Amino acid sequence: MVILIVEDNPDVSGWLRDLLGRHGYSVIVANGVIAAMRVLSIEEKPDVVILDIMLPDGSGIEVLKYIRTNDMPTRVIVMSGCLHDSAHIQAVEALKPDSILIKPTDFDLLLSTIDKHKPA
């Protein structure tokens, strides 16, 4: 299973990449919207995207919108610390992510959330 991590903090993305890799997942890291769009434009789509919202070159909401408007089978787990603002929450929920987790997130909770969204 391929997981795309869209996260601008290299400590967080490195930690996730290492831990998910040790659990047998193939992991791709994108540090912003442009890099994420590049990955999503290739033929082989990731099975799951772990998506931060606050990114240096835009909003993760743009990535989620791209996935939804292009009817990709990719599951999206929004994992962000900025979802305390009702406007952000409404914008994210309107695009129907598969799960929403608030940072900091317990790794076991993230793993169980990924397992819930594994392709059949």
PDB file of N, CA and C in Angstrom:
ATOM      1  N   MET A   1       0.846  -1.174   0.000  1.00  0.00           N
ATOM      2  CA  MET A   1       0.000   0.000   0.000  1.00  0.00           C
ATOM      3  C   MET A   1       0.897   1.245   0.000  1.00  0.00           C
ATOM      4  N   VAL A   2       0.553   2.215  -0.842  1.00  0.00           N
ATOM      5  CA  VAL A   2       1.329   3.441  -0.970  1.00  0.00           C
ATOM      6  C   VAL A   2       0.623   4.578  -0.232  1.00  0.00           C
ATOM      7  N   ILE A   3       1.390   5.269   0.611  1.00  0.00           N
ATOM      8  CA  ILE A   3       0.868   6.399   1.371  1.00  0.00           C
ATOM      9  C   ILE A   3       1.642   7.653   0.975  1.00  0.00           C
ATOM     10  N   LEU A   4       0.913   8.700   0.631  1.00  0.00           N
ATOM     11  CA  LEU A   4       1.504  10.013   0.377  1.00  0.00           C
ATOM     12  C   LEU A   4       1.316  10.859   1.629  1.00  0.00           C
ATOM     13  N   ILE A   5       2.423  11.350   2.175  1.00  0.00           N
ATOM     14  CA  ILE A   5       2.383  12.263   3.316  1.00  0.00           C
ATOM     15  C   ILE A   5       2.587  13.674   2.776  1.00  0.00           C
ATOM     16  N   VAL A   6       1.619  14.549   2.995  1.00  0.00           N
ATOM     17  CA  VAL A   6       1.739  15.952   2.583  1.00  0.00           C
ATOM     18  C   VAL A   6       1.903  16.759   3.860  1.00  0.00           C
ATOM     19  N   GLU A   7       3.155  17.109   4.135  1.00  0.00           N
ATOM     20  CA  GLU A   7       3.515  17.733   5.410  1.00  0.00           C
ATOM     21  C   GLU A   7       4.759  18.587   5.202  1.00  0.00           C
ATOM     22  N   ASP A   8       4.707  19.847   5.645  1.00  0.00           N
ATOM     23  CA  ASP A   8       5.846  20.744   5.451  1.00  0.00           C
ATOM     24  C   ASP A   8       6.882  20.681   6.564  1.00  0.00           C
ATOM     25  N   ASN A   9       6.539  20.127   7.707  1.00  0.00           N
ATOM     26  CA  ASN A   9       7.495  20.026   8.812  1.00  0.00           C
ATOM     27  C   ASN A   9       8.346  18.769   8.604  1.00  0.00           C
ATOM     28  N   PRO A  10       9.649  18.928   8.329  1.00  0.00           N
ATOM     29  CA  PRO A  10      10.476  17.762   8.038  1.00  0.00           C
ATOM     30  C   PRO A  10      10.607  16.789   9.215  1.00  0.00           C
ATOM     31  N   ASP A  11      10.495  17.289  10.446  1.00  0.00           N
ATOM     32  CA  ASP A  11      10.540  16.384  11.599  1.00  0.00           C
ATOM     33  C   ASP A  11       9.327  15.469  11.609  1.00  0.00           C
ATOM     34  N   VAL A  12       8.155  16.041  11.362  1.00  0.00           N
ATOM     35  CA  VAL A  12       6.916  15.251  11.354  1.00  0.00           C
ATOM     36  C   VAL A  12       6.898  14.286  10.174  1.00  0.00           C
ATOM     37  N   SER A  13       7.226  14.783   8.972  1.00  0.00           N
ATOM     38  CA  SER A  13       7.186  13.902   7.792  1.00  0.00           C
ATOM     39  C   SER A  13       8.239  12.800   7.898  1.00  0.00           C
ATOM     40  N   GLY A  14       9.406  13.113   8.436  1.00  0.00           N
ATOM     41  CA  GLY A  14      10.440  12.090   8.616  1.00  0.00           C
ATOM     42  C   GLY A  14      10.027  11.029   9.611  1.00  0.00           C
ATOM     43  N   TRP A  15       9.438  11.466  10.716  1.00  0.00           N
ATOM     44  CA  TRP A  15       8.950  10.546  11.743  1.00  0.00           C
ATOM     45  C   TRP A  15       7.876   9.616  11.161  1.00  0.00           C
ATOM     46  N   LEU A  16       6.925  10.203  10.441  1.00  0.00           N
ATOM     47  CA  LEU A  16       5.863   9.394   9.829  1.00  0.00           C
ATOM     48  C   LEU A  16       6.429   8.432   8.785  1.00  0.00           C
ATOM     49  N   ARG A  17       7.331   8.933   7.922  1.00  0.00           N
ATOM     50  CA  ARG A  17       7.934   8.092   6.888  1.00  0.00           C
ATOM     51  C   ARG A  17       8.637   6.887   7.509  1.00  0.00           C
ATOM     52  N   ASP A  18       9.431   7.126   8.541  1.00  0.00           N
ATOM     53  CA  ASP A  18      10.171   6.043   9.182  1.00  0.00           C
ATOM     54  C   ASP A  18       9.239   5.033   9.847  1.00  0.00           C
ATOM     55  N   LEU A  19       8.285   5.522  10.622  1.00  0.00           N
ATOM     56  CA  LEU A  19       7.387   4.611  11.343  1.00  0.00           C
ATOM     57  C   LEU A  19       6.477   3.829  10.388  1.00  0.00           C
ATOM     58  N   LEU A  20       5.930   4.505   9.392  1.00  0.00           N
ATOM     59  CA  LEU A  20       5.059   3.799   8.442  1.00  0.00           C
ATOM     60  C   LEU A  20       5.866   2.815   7.600  1.00  0.00           C
ATOM     61  N   GLY A  21       7.079   3.192   7.241  1.00  0.00           N
ATOM     62  CA  GLY A  21       7.955   2.282   6.507  1.00  0.00           C
ATOM     63  C   GLY A  21       8.245   1.027   7.296  1.00  0.00           C
ATOM     64  N   ARG A  22       8.470   1.160   8.594  1.00  0.00           N
ATOM     65  CA  ARG A  22       8.710  -0.012   9.454  1.00  0.00           C
ATOM     66  C   ARG A  22       7.476  -0.902   9.569  1.00  0.00           C
ATOM     67  N   HIS A  23       6.308  -0.351   9.283  1.00  0.00           N
ATOM     68  CA  HIS A  23       5.074  -1.145   9.312  1.00  0.00           C
ATOM     69  C   HIS A  23       4.715  -1.682   7.931  1.00  0.00           C
ATOM     70  N   GLY A  24       5.633  -1.582   6.987  1.00  0.00           N
ATOM     71  CA  GLY A  24       5.456  -2.200   5.681  1.00  0.00           C
ATOM     72  C   GLY A  24       4.816  -1.340   4.598  1.00  0.00           C
ATOM     73  N   TYR A  25       4.592  -0.076   4.883  1.00  0.00           N
ATOM     74  CA  TYR A  25       3.988   0.796   3.892  1.00  0.00           C
ATOM     75  C   TYR A  25       5.061   1.423   3.006  1.00  0.00           C
ATOM     76  N   SER A  26       4.724   1.638   1.751  1.00  0.00           N
ATOM     77  CA  SER A  26       5.562   2.395   0.840  1.00  0.00           C
ATOM     78  C   SER A  26       5.147   3.854   1.003  1.00  0.00           C
ATOM     79  N   VAL A  27       6.111   4.733   1.281  1.00  0.00           N
ATOM     80  CA  VAL A  27       5.779   6.114   1.643  1.00  0.00           C
ATOM     81  C   VAL A  27       6.447   7.108   0.691  1.00  0.00           C
ATOM     82  N   ILE A  28       5.666   8.075   0.258  1.00  0.00           N
ATOM     83  CA  ILE A  28       6.138   9.202  -0.533  1.00  0.00           C
ATOM     84  C   ILE A  28       5.864  10.451   0.303  1.00  0.00           C
ATOM     85  N   VAL A  29       6.822  11.379   0.326  1.00  0.00           N
ATOM     86  CA  VAL A  29       6.640  12.616   1.082  1.00  0.00           C
ATOM     87  C   VAL A  29       6.613  13.803   0.120  1.00  0.00           C
ATOM     88  N   ALA A  30       5.626  14.668   0.294  1.00  0.00           N
ATOM     89  CA  ALA A  30       5.540  15.929  -0.441  1.00  0.00           C
ATOM     90  C   ALA A  30       5.480  17.041   0.602  1.00  0.00           C
ATOM     91  N   ASN A  31       6.297  18.088   0.422  1.00  0.00           N
ATOM     92  CA  ASN A  31       6.360  19.129   1.445  1.00  0.00           C
ATOM     93  C   ASN A  31       5.438  20.318   1.176  1.00  0.00           C
ATOM     94  N   GLY A  32       4.539  20.188   0.197  1.00  0.00           N
ATOM     95  CA  GLY A  32       3.618  21.276  -0.087  1.00  0.00           C
ATOM     96  C   GLY A  32       2.598  20.901  -1.144  1.00  0.00           C
ATOM     97  N   VAL A  33       1.784  21.861  -1.505  1.00  0.00           N
ATOM     98  CA  VAL A  33       0.702  21.650  -2.465  1.00  0.00           C
ATOM     99  C   VAL A  33       1.242  21.271  -3.839  1.00  0.00           C
ATOM    100  N   ILE A  34       2.225  22.002  -4.331  1.00  0.00           N
ATOM    101  CA  ILE A  34       2.750  21.742  -5.678  1.00  0.00           C
ATOM    102  C   ILE A  34       3.347  20.347  -5.764  1.00  0.00           C
ATOM    103  N   ALA A  35       4.152  19.977  -4.776  1.00  0.00           N
ATOM    104  CA  ALA A  35       4.755  18.640  -4.771  1.00  0.00           C
ATOM    105  C   ALA A  35       3.676  17.557  -4.679  1.00  0.00           C
ATOM    106  N   ALA A  36       2.638  17.783  -3.883  1.00  0.00           N
ATOM    107  CA  ALA A  36       1.546  16.814  -3.764  1.00  0.00           C
ATOM    108  C   ALA A  36       0.806  16.652  -5.088  1.00  0.00           C
ATOM    109  N   MET A  37       0.532  17.761  -5.756  1.00  0.00           N
ATOM    110  CA  MET A  37      -0.172  17.709  -7.045  1.00  0.00           C
ATOM    111  C   MET A  37       0.661  16.941  -8.082  1.00  0.00           C
ATOM    112  N   ARG A  38       1.972  17.126  -8.027  1.00  0.00           N
ATOM    113  CA  ARG A  38       2.854  16.404  -8.934  1.00  0.00           C
ATOM    114  C   ARG A  38       2.717  14.888  -8.714  1.00  0.00           C
ATOM    115  N   VAL A  39       2.727  14.460  -7.468  1.00  0.00           N
ATOM    116  CA  VAL A  39       2.577  13.037  -7.154  1.00  0.00           C
ATOM    117  C   VAL A  39       1.204  12.536  -7.591  1.00  0.00           C
ATOM    118  N   LEU A  40       0.168  13.319  -7.344  1.00  0.00           N
ATOM    119  CA  LEU A  40      -1.196  12.899  -7.676  1.00  0.00           C
ATOM    120  C   LEU A  40      -1.465  12.898  -9.178  1.00  0.00           C
ATOM    121  N   SER A  41      -0.621  13.545  -9.951  1.00  0.00           N
ATOM    122  CA  SER A  41      -0.836  13.586 -11.400  1.00  0.00           C
ATOM    123  C   SER A  41      -0.251  12.379 -12.126  1.00  0.00           C
ATOM    124  N   ILE A  42       0.528  11.560 -11.427  1.00  0.00           N
ATOM    125  CA  ILE A  42       1.074  10.365 -12.065  1.00  0.00           C
ATOM    126  C   ILE A  42      -0.007   9.293 -12.158  1.00  0.00           C
ATOM    127  N   GLU A  43       0.229   8.317 -13.017  1.00  0.00           N
ATOM    128  CA  GLU A  43      -0.787   7.292 -13.249  1.00  0.00           C
ATOM    129  C   GLU A  43      -1.071   6.447 -12.010  1.00  0.00           C
ATOM    130  N   GLU A  44      -0.021   6.020 -11.301  1.00  0.00           N
ATOM    131  CA  GLU A  44      -0.183   5.214 -10.089  1.00  0.00           C
ATOM    132  C   GLU A  44      -0.488   6.137  -8.913  1.00  0.00           C
ATOM    133  N   LYS A  45      -1.729   6.188  -8.505  1.00  0.00           N
ATOM    134  CA  LYS A  45      -2.131   7.071  -7.406  1.00  0.00           C
ATOM    135  C   LYS A  45      -1.833   6.405  -6.056  1.00  0.00           C
ATOM    136  N   PRO A  46      -1.499   7.204  -5.046  1.00  0.00           N
ATOM    137  CA  PRO A  46      -1.348   6.623  -3.708  1.00  0.00           C
ATOM    138  C   PRO A  46      -2.694   6.095  -3.215  1.00  0.00           C
ATOM    139  N   ASP A  47      -2.631   5.093  -2.361  1.00  0.00           N
ATOM    140  CA  ASP A  47      -3.861   4.535  -1.787  1.00  0.00           C
ATOM    141  C   ASP A  47      -4.436   5.456  -0.723  1.00  0.00           C
ATOM    142  N   VAL A  48      -3.542   6.078   0.038  1.00  0.00           N
ATOM    143  CA  VAL A  48      -3.947   6.957   1.146  1.00  0.00           C
ATOM    144  C   VAL A  48      -3.079   8.213   1.114  1.00  0.00           C
ATOM    145  N   VAL A  49      -3.693   9.356   1.396  1.00  0.00           N
ATOM    146  CA  VAL A  49      -2.966  10.611   1.578  1.00  0.00           C
ATOM    147  C   VAL A  49      -3.175  11.062   3.016  1.00  0.00           C
ATOM    148  N   ILE A  50      -2.061  11.319   3.707  1.00  0.00           N
ATOM    149  CA  ILE A  50      -2.113  11.948   5.026  1.00  0.00           C
ATOM    150  C   ILE A  50      -1.806  13.418   4.766  1.00  0.00           C
ATOM    151  N   LEU A  51      -2.782  14.266   5.010  1.00  0.00           N
ATOM    152  CA  LEU A  51      -2.754  15.636   4.504  1.00  0.00           C
ATOM    153  C   LEU A  51      -2.797  16.685   5.609  1.00  0.00           C
ATOM    154  N   ASP A  52      -1.756  17.512   5.646  1.00  0.00           N
ATOM    155  CA  ASP A  52      -1.761  18.692   6.513  1.00  0.00           C
ATOM    156  C   ASP A  52      -2.537  19.793   5.784  1.00  0.00           C
ATOM    157  N   ILE A  53      -3.056  20.746   6.505  1.00  0.00           N
ATOM    158  CA  ILE A  53      -3.819  21.837   5.885  1.00  0.00           C
ATOM    159  C   ILE A  53      -2.953  23.072   5.665  1.00  0.00           C
ATOM    160  N   MET A  54      -2.200  23.478   6.660  1.00  0.00           N
ATOM    161  CA  MET A  54      -1.368  24.677   6.554  1.00  0.00           C
ATOM    162  C   MET A  54      -0.032  24.301   5.909  1.00  0.00           C
ATOM    163  N   LEU A  55       0.142  24.685   4.647  1.00  0.00           N
ATOM    164  CA  LEU A  55       1.351  24.367   3.893  1.00  0.00           C
ATOM    165  C   LEU A  55       1.986  25.648   3.377  1.00  0.00           C
ATOM    166  N   PRO A  56       3.293  25.659   3.117  1.00  0.00           N
ATOM    167  CA  PRO A  56       3.964  26.904   2.754  1.00  0.00           C
ATOM    168  C   PRO A  56       3.529  27.491   1.413  1.00  0.00           C
ATOM    169  N   ASP A  57       3.056  26.648   0.498  1.00  0.00           N
ATOM    170  CA  ASP A  57       2.690  27.146  -0.831  1.00  0.00           C
ATOM    171  C   ASP A  57       1.194  27.083  -1.102  1.00  0.00           C
ATOM    172  N   GLY A  58       0.408  26.989  -0.049  1.00  0.00           N
ATOM    173  CA  GLY A  58      -1.044  26.963  -0.217  1.00  0.00           C
ATOM    174  C   GLY A  58      -1.702  26.170   0.892  1.00  0.00           C
ATOM    175  N   SER A  59      -2.911  25.748   0.631  1.00  0.00           N
ATOM    176  CA  SER A  59      -3.691  25.012   1.623  1.00  0.00           C
ATOM    177  C   SER A  59      -3.882  23.569   1.192  1.00  0.00           C
ATOM    178  N   GLY A  60      -3.809  22.685   2.156  1.00  0.00           N
ATOM    179  CA  GLY A  60      -4.108  21.286   1.889  1.00  0.00           C
ATOM    180  C   GLY A  60      -5.530  21.102   1.376  1.00  0.00           C
ATOM    181  N   ILE A  61      -6.384  22.073   1.629  1.00  0.00           N
ATOM    182  CA  ILE A  61      -7.757  22.023   1.117  1.00  0.00           C
ATOM    183  C   ILE A  61      -7.737  21.959  -0.412  1.00  0.00           C
ATOM    184  N   GLU A  62      -6.765  22.637  -1.042  1.00  0.00           N
ATOM    185  CA  GLU A  62      -6.628  22.580  -2.502  1.00  0.00           C
ATOM    186  C   GLU A  62      -6.327  21.147  -2.970  1.00  0.00           C
ATOM    187  N   VAL A  63      -5.494  20.456  -2.220  1.00  0.00           N
ATOM    188  CA  VAL A  63      -5.141  19.073  -2.565  1.00  0.00           C
ATOM    189  C   VAL A  63      -6.364  18.178  -2.414  1.00  0.00           C
ATOM    190  N   LEU A  64      -7.091  18.339  -1.317  1.00  0.00           N
ATOM    191  CA  LEU A  64      -8.299  17.559  -1.088  1.00  0.00           C
ATOM    192  C   LEU A  64      -9.334  17.824  -2.177  1.00  0.00           C
ATOM    193  N   LYS A  65      -9.492  19.079  -2.557  1.00  0.00           N
ATOM    194  CA  LYS A  65     -10.432  19.444  -3.621  1.00  0.00           C
ATOM    195  C   LYS A  65     -10.016  18.780  -4.947  1.00  0.00           C
ATOM    196  N   TYR A  66      -8.729  18.779  -5.240  1.00  0.00           N
ATOM    197  CA  TYR A  66      -8.210  18.157  -6.466  1.00  0.00           C
ATOM    198  C   TYR A  66      -8.533  16.660  -6.489  1.00  0.00           C
ATOM    199  N   ILE A  67      -8.316  15.994  -5.364  1.00  0.00           N
ATOM    200  CA  ILE A  67      -8.600  14.556  -5.274  1.00  0.00           C
ATOM    201  C   ILE A  67     -10.089  14.300  -5.486  1.00  0.00           C
ATOM    202  N   ARG A  68     -10.933  15.075  -4.844  1.00  0.00           N
ATOM    203  CA  ARG A  68     -12.379  14.860  -4.932  1.00  0.00           C
ATOM    204  C   ARG A  68     -12.941  15.226  -6.309  1.00  0.00           C
ATOM    205  N   THR A  69     -12.493  16.320  -6.904  1.00  0.00           N
ATOM    206  CA  THR A  69     -13.049  16.731  -8.195  1.00  0.00           C
ATOM    207  C   THR A  69     -12.575  15.829  -9.335  1.00  0.00           C
ATOM    208  N   ASN A  70     -11.479  15.108  -9.120  1.00  0.00           N
ATOM    209  CA  ASN A  70     -10.981  14.186 -10.137  1.00  0.00           C
ATOM    210  C   ASN A  70     -11.381  12.743  -9.853  1.00  0.00           C
ATOM    211  N   ASP A  71     -12.300  12.548  -8.905  1.00  0.00           N
ATOM    212  CA  ASP A  71     -12.845  11.226  -8.575  1.00  0.00           C
ATOM    213  C   ASP A  71     -11.775  10.164  -8.367  1.00  0.00           C
ATOM    214  N   MET A  72     -10.715  10.526  -7.672  1.00  0.00           N
ATOM    215  CA  MET A  72      -9.652   9.566  -7.374  1.00  0.00           C
ATOM    216  C   MET A  72     -10.112   8.628  -6.268  1.00  0.00           C
ATOM    217  N   PRO A  73      -9.727   7.356  -6.360  1.00  0.00           N
ATOM    218  CA  PRO A  73     -10.101   6.404  -5.312  1.00  0.00           C
ATOM    219  C   PRO A  73      -9.255   6.556  -4.044  1.00  0.00           C
ATOM    220  N   THR A  74      -8.344   7.493  -4.049  1.00  0.00           N
ATOM    221  CA  THR A  74      -7.436   7.730  -2.925  1.00  0.00           C
ATOM    222  C   THR A  74      -8.211   8.130  -1.672  1.00  0.00           C
ATOM    223  N   ARG A  75      -7.879   7.488  -0.557  1.00  0.00           N
ATOM    224  CA  ARG A  75      -8.458   7.848   0.738  1.00  0.00           C
ATOM    225  C   ARG A  75      -7.664   9.003   1.319  1.00  0.00           C
ATOM    226  N   VAL A  76      -8.337   9.943   1.960  1.00  0.00           N
ATOM    227  CA  VAL A  76      -7.664  11.119   2.506  1.00  0.00           C
ATOM    228  C   VAL A  76      -7.895  11.195   4.016  1.00  0.00           C
ATOM    229  N   ILE A  77      -6.771  11.243   4.728  1.00  0.00           N
ATOM    230  CA  ILE A  77      -6.789  11.456   6.173  1.00  0.00           C
ATOM    231  C   ILE A  77      -6.215  12.847   6.408  1.00  0.00           C
ATOM    232  N   VAL A  78      -7.059  13.774   6.795  1.00  0.00           N
ATOM    233  CA  VAL A  78      -6.585  15.115   7.125  1.00  0.00           C
ATOM    234  C   VAL A  78      -6.014  15.038   8.532  1.00  0.00           C
ATOM    235  N   MET A  79      -4.759  15.462   8.673  1.00  0.00           N
ATOM    236  CA  MET A  79      -4.091  15.463   9.977  1.00  0.00           C
ATOM    237  C   MET A  79      -3.454  16.830  10.149  1.00  0.00           C
ATOM    238  N   SER A  80      -4.091  17.667  10.946  1.00  0.00           N
ATOM    239  CA  SER A  80      -3.661  19.060  11.038  1.00  0.00           C
ATOM    240  C   SER A  80      -3.876  19.606  12.436  1.00  0.00           C
ATOM    241  N   GLY A  81      -3.077  20.601  12.765  1.00  0.00           N
ATOM    242  CA  GLY A  81      -3.242  21.286  14.042  1.00  0.00           C
ATOM    243  C   GLY A  81      -4.056  22.558  13.924  1.00  0.00           C
ATOM    244  N   CYS A  82      -4.479  22.892  12.697  1.00  0.00           N
ATOM    245  CA  CYS A  82      -5.182  24.173  12.499  1.00  0.00           C
ATOM    246  C   CYS A  82      -6.697  24.021  12.485  1.00  0.00           C
ATOM    247  N   LEU A  83      -7.194  22.875  12.863  1.00  0.00           N
ATOM    248  CA  LEU A  83      -8.642  22.661  12.760  1.00  0.00           C
ATOM    249  C   LEU A  83      -9.391  23.074  14.023  1.00  0.00           C
ATOM    250  N   HIS A  84      -8.924  24.122  14.629  1.00  0.00           N
ATOM    251  CA  HIS A  84      -9.628  24.678  15.790  1.00  0.00           C
ATOM    252  C   HIS A  84     -10.509  25.842  15.358  1.00  0.00           C
ATOM    253  N   ASP A  85     -10.326  26.285  14.137  1.00  0.00           N
ATOM    254  CA  ASP A  85     -11.058  27.405  13.560  1.00  0.00           C
ATOM    255  C   ASP A  85     -12.263  26.837  12.789  1.00  0.00           C
ATOM    256  N   SER A  86     -13.453  27.313  13.075  1.00  0.00           N
ATOM    257  CA  SER A  86     -14.662  26.754  12.460  1.00  0.00           C
ATOM    258  C   SER A  86     -14.669  26.902  10.934  1.00  0.00           C
ATOM    259  N   ALA A  87     -14.066  27.966  10.408  1.00  0.00           N
ATOM    260  CA  ALA A  87     -14.020  28.154   8.949  1.00  0.00           C
ATOM    261  C   ALA A  87     -13.190  27.050   8.291  1.00  0.00           C
ATOM    262  N   HIS A  88     -12.047  26.714   8.891  1.00  0.00           N
ATOM    263  CA  HIS A  88     -11.219  25.624   8.363  1.00  0.00           C
ATOM    264  C   HIS A  88     -11.960  24.293   8.447  1.00  0.00           C
ATOM    265  N   ILE A  89     -12.590  24.059   9.570  1.00  0.00           N
ATOM    266  CA  ILE A  89     -13.318  22.789   9.761  1.00  0.00           C
ATOM    267  C   ILE A  89     -14.418  22.655   8.715  1.00  0.00           C
ATOM    268  N   GLN A  90     -15.188  23.698   8.494  1.00  0.00           N
ATOM    269  CA  GLN A  90     -16.282  23.649   7.514  1.00  0.00           C
ATOM    270  C   GLN A  90     -15.746  23.432   6.100  1.00  0.00           C
ATOM    271  N   ALA A  91     -14.652  24.102   5.757  1.00  0.00           N
ATOM    272  CA  ALA A  91     -14.066  23.952   4.419  1.00  0.00           C
ATOM    273  C   ALA A  91     -13.576  22.527   4.204  1.00  0.00           C
ATOM    274  N   VAL A  92     -12.950  21.946   5.215  1.00  0.00           N
ATOM    275  CA  VAL A  92     -12.457  20.571   5.111  1.00  0.00           C
ATOM    276  C   VAL A  92     -13.629  19.594   5.048  1.00  0.00           C
ATOM    277  N   GLU A  93     -14.570  19.714   5.958  1.00  0.00           N
ATOM    278  CA  GLU A  93     -15.701  18.785   5.997  1.00  0.00           C
ATOM    279  C   GLU A  93     -16.539  18.822   4.726  1.00  0.00           C
ATOM    280  N   ALA A  94     -16.624  19.975   4.086  1.00  0.00           N
ATOM    281  CA  ALA A  94     -17.403  20.098   2.848  1.00  0.00           C
ATOM    282  C   ALA A  94     -16.840  19.204   1.740  1.00  0.00           C
ATOM    283  N   LEU A  95     -15.543  18.915   1.793  1.00  0.00           N
ATOM    284  CA  LEU A  95     -14.900  18.080   0.769  1.00  0.00           C
ATOM    285  C   LEU A  95     -14.833  16.605   1.171  1.00  0.00           C
ATOM    286  N   LYS A  96     -15.422  16.282   2.292  1.00  0.00           N
ATOM    287  CA  LYS A  96     -15.602  14.912   2.758  1.00  0.00           C
ATOM    288  C   LYS A  96     -14.318  14.070   2.788  1.00  0.00           C
ATOM    289  N   PRO A  97     -13.363  14.469   3.647  1.00  0.00           N
ATOM    290  CA  PRO A  97     -12.203  13.593   3.821  1.00  0.00           C
ATOM    291  C   PRO A  97     -12.670  12.286   4.467  1.00  0.00           C
ATOM    292  N   ASP A  98     -11.885  11.245   4.299  1.00  0.00           N
ATOM    293  CA  ASP A  98     -12.268   9.950   4.871  1.00  0.00           C
ATOM    294  C   ASP A  98     -12.126   9.942   6.387  1.00  0.00           C
ATOM    295  N   SER A  99     -11.162  10.700   6.897  1.00  0.00           N
ATOM    296  CA  SER A  99     -10.963  10.840   8.347  1.00  0.00           C
ATOM    297  C   SER A  99     -10.316  12.187   8.631  1.00  0.00           C
ATOM    298  N   ILE A 100     -10.527  12.667   9.846  1.00  0.00           N
ATOM    299  CA  ILE A 100      -9.882  13.891  10.308  1.00  0.00           C
ATOM    300  C   ILE A 100      -9.237  13.585  11.655  1.00  0.00           C
ATOM    301  N   LEU A 101      -7.932  13.890  11.759  1.00  0.00           N
ATOM    302  CA  LEU A 101      -7.193  13.716  13.005  1.00  0.00           C
ATOM    303  C   LEU A 101      -6.564  15.057  13.366  1.00  0.00           C
ATOM    304  N   ILE A 102      -6.549  15.369  14.640  1.00  0.00           N
ATOM    305  CA  ILE A 102      -5.963  16.613  15.122  1.00  0.00           C
ATOM    306  C   ILE A 102      -4.546  16.330  15.617  1.00  0.00           C
ATOM    307  N   LYS A 103      -3.607  17.178  15.182  1.00  0.00           N
ATOM    308  CA  LYS A 103      -2.217  17.063  15.669  1.00  0.00           C
ATOM    309  C   LYS A 103      -2.129  17.656  17.068  1.00  0.00           C
ATOM    310  N   PRO A 104      -1.273  17.127  17.890  1.00  0.00           N
ATOM    311  CA  PRO A 104      -0.469  15.937  17.673  1.00  0.00           C
ATOM    312  C   PRO A 104      -1.342  14.689  17.742  1.00  0.00           C
ATOM    313  N   THR A 105      -1.025  13.733  16.875  1.00  0.00           N
ATOM    314  CA  THR A 105      -1.817  12.512  16.763  1.00  0.00           C
ATOM    315  C   THR A 105      -1.030  11.328  17.292  1.00  0.00           C
ATOM    316  N   ASP A 106      -1.684  10.494  18.055  1.00  0.00           N
ATOM    317  CA  ASP A 106      -1.091   9.258  18.540  1.00  0.00           C
ATOM    318  C   ASP A 106      -0.850   8.329  17.342  1.00  0.00           C
ATOM    319  N   PHE A 107       0.352   7.741  17.265  1.00  0.00           N
ATOM    320  CA  PHE A 107       0.689   6.900  16.121  1.00  0.00           C
ATOM    321  C   PHE A 107      -0.225   5.682  16.012  1.00  0.00           C
ATOM    322  N   ASP A 108      -0.613   5.082  17.130  1.00  0.00           N
ATOM    323  CA  ASP A 108      -1.519   3.922  17.085  1.00  0.00           C
ATOM    324  C   ASP A 108      -2.881   4.309  16.505  1.00  0.00           C
ATOM    325  N   LEU A 109      -3.355   5.506  16.839  1.00  0.00           N
ATOM    326  CA  LEU A 109      -4.620   5.985  16.270  1.00  0.00           C
ATOM    327  C   LEU A 109      -4.465   6.187  14.764  1.00  0.00           C
ATOM    328  N   LEU A 110      -3.339   6.754  14.338  1.00  0.00           N
ATOM    329  CA  LEU A 110      -3.103   6.929  12.908  1.00  0.00           C
ATOM    330  C   LEU A 110      -3.059   5.578  12.197  1.00  0.00           C
ATOM    331  N   LEU A 111      -2.349   4.607  12.774  1.00  0.00           N
ATOM    332  CA  LEU A 111      -2.279   3.269  12.157  1.00  0.00           C
ATOM    333  C   LEU A 111      -3.661   2.627  12.041  1.00  0.00           C
ATOM    334  N   SER A 112      -4.463   2.726  13.076  1.00  0.00           N
ATOM    335  CA  SER A 112      -5.804   2.128  13.010  1.00  0.00           C
ATOM    336  C   SER A 112      -6.672   2.853  11.986  1.00  0.00           C
ATOM    337  N   THR A 113      -6.458   4.159  11.841  1.00  0.00           N
ATOM    338  CA  THR A 113      -7.208   4.922  10.835  1.00  0.00           C
ATOM    339  C   THR A 113      -6.780   4.500   9.436  1.00  0.00           C
ATOM    340  N   ILE A 114      -5.500   4.316   9.214  1.00  0.00           N
ATOM    341  CA  ILE A 114      -5.010   3.839   7.913  1.00  0.00           C
ATOM    342  C   ILE A 114      -5.569   2.456   7.628  1.00  0.00           C
ATOM    343  N   ASP A 115      -5.524   1.568   8.609  1.00  0.00           N
ATOM    344  CA  ASP A 115      -6.049   0.199   8.428  1.00  0.00           C
ATOM    345  C   ASP A 115      -7.524   0.218   8.025  1.00  0.00           C
ATOM    346  N   LYS A 116      -8.258   1.150   8.602  1.00  0.00           N
ATOM    347  CA  LYS A 116      -9.696   1.280   8.283  1.00  0.00           C
ATOM    348  C   LYS A 116      -9.921   1.634   6.815  1.00  0.00           C
ATOM    349  N   HIS A 117      -8.932   2.301   6.205  1.00  0.00           N
ATOM    350  CA  HIS A 117      -9.089   2.777   4.831  1.00  0.00           C
ATOM    351  C   HIS A 117      -8.282   1.978   3.801  1.00  0.00           C
ATOM    352  N   LYS A 118      -7.768   0.809   4.219  1.00  0.00           N
ATOM    353  CA  LYS A 118      -7.017  -0.019   3.282  1.00  0.00           C
ATOM    354  C   LYS A 118      -7.940  -0.452   2.134  1.00  0.00           C
ATOM    355  N   PRO A 119      -7.389  -0.432   0.899  1.00  0.00           N
ATOM    356  CA  PRO A 119      -8.217  -0.900  -0.216  1.00  0.00           C
ATOM    357  C   PRO A 119      -8.533  -2.388  -0.063  1.00  0.00           C
ATOM    358  N   ALA A 120      -9.680  -2.763  -0.563  1.00  0.00           N
ATOM    359  CA  ALA A 120     -10.124  -4.168  -0.433  1.00  0.00           C
ATOM    360  C   ALA A 120      -9.282  -5.099  -1.270  1.00  0.00           C
TER     361      ALA A 120
END
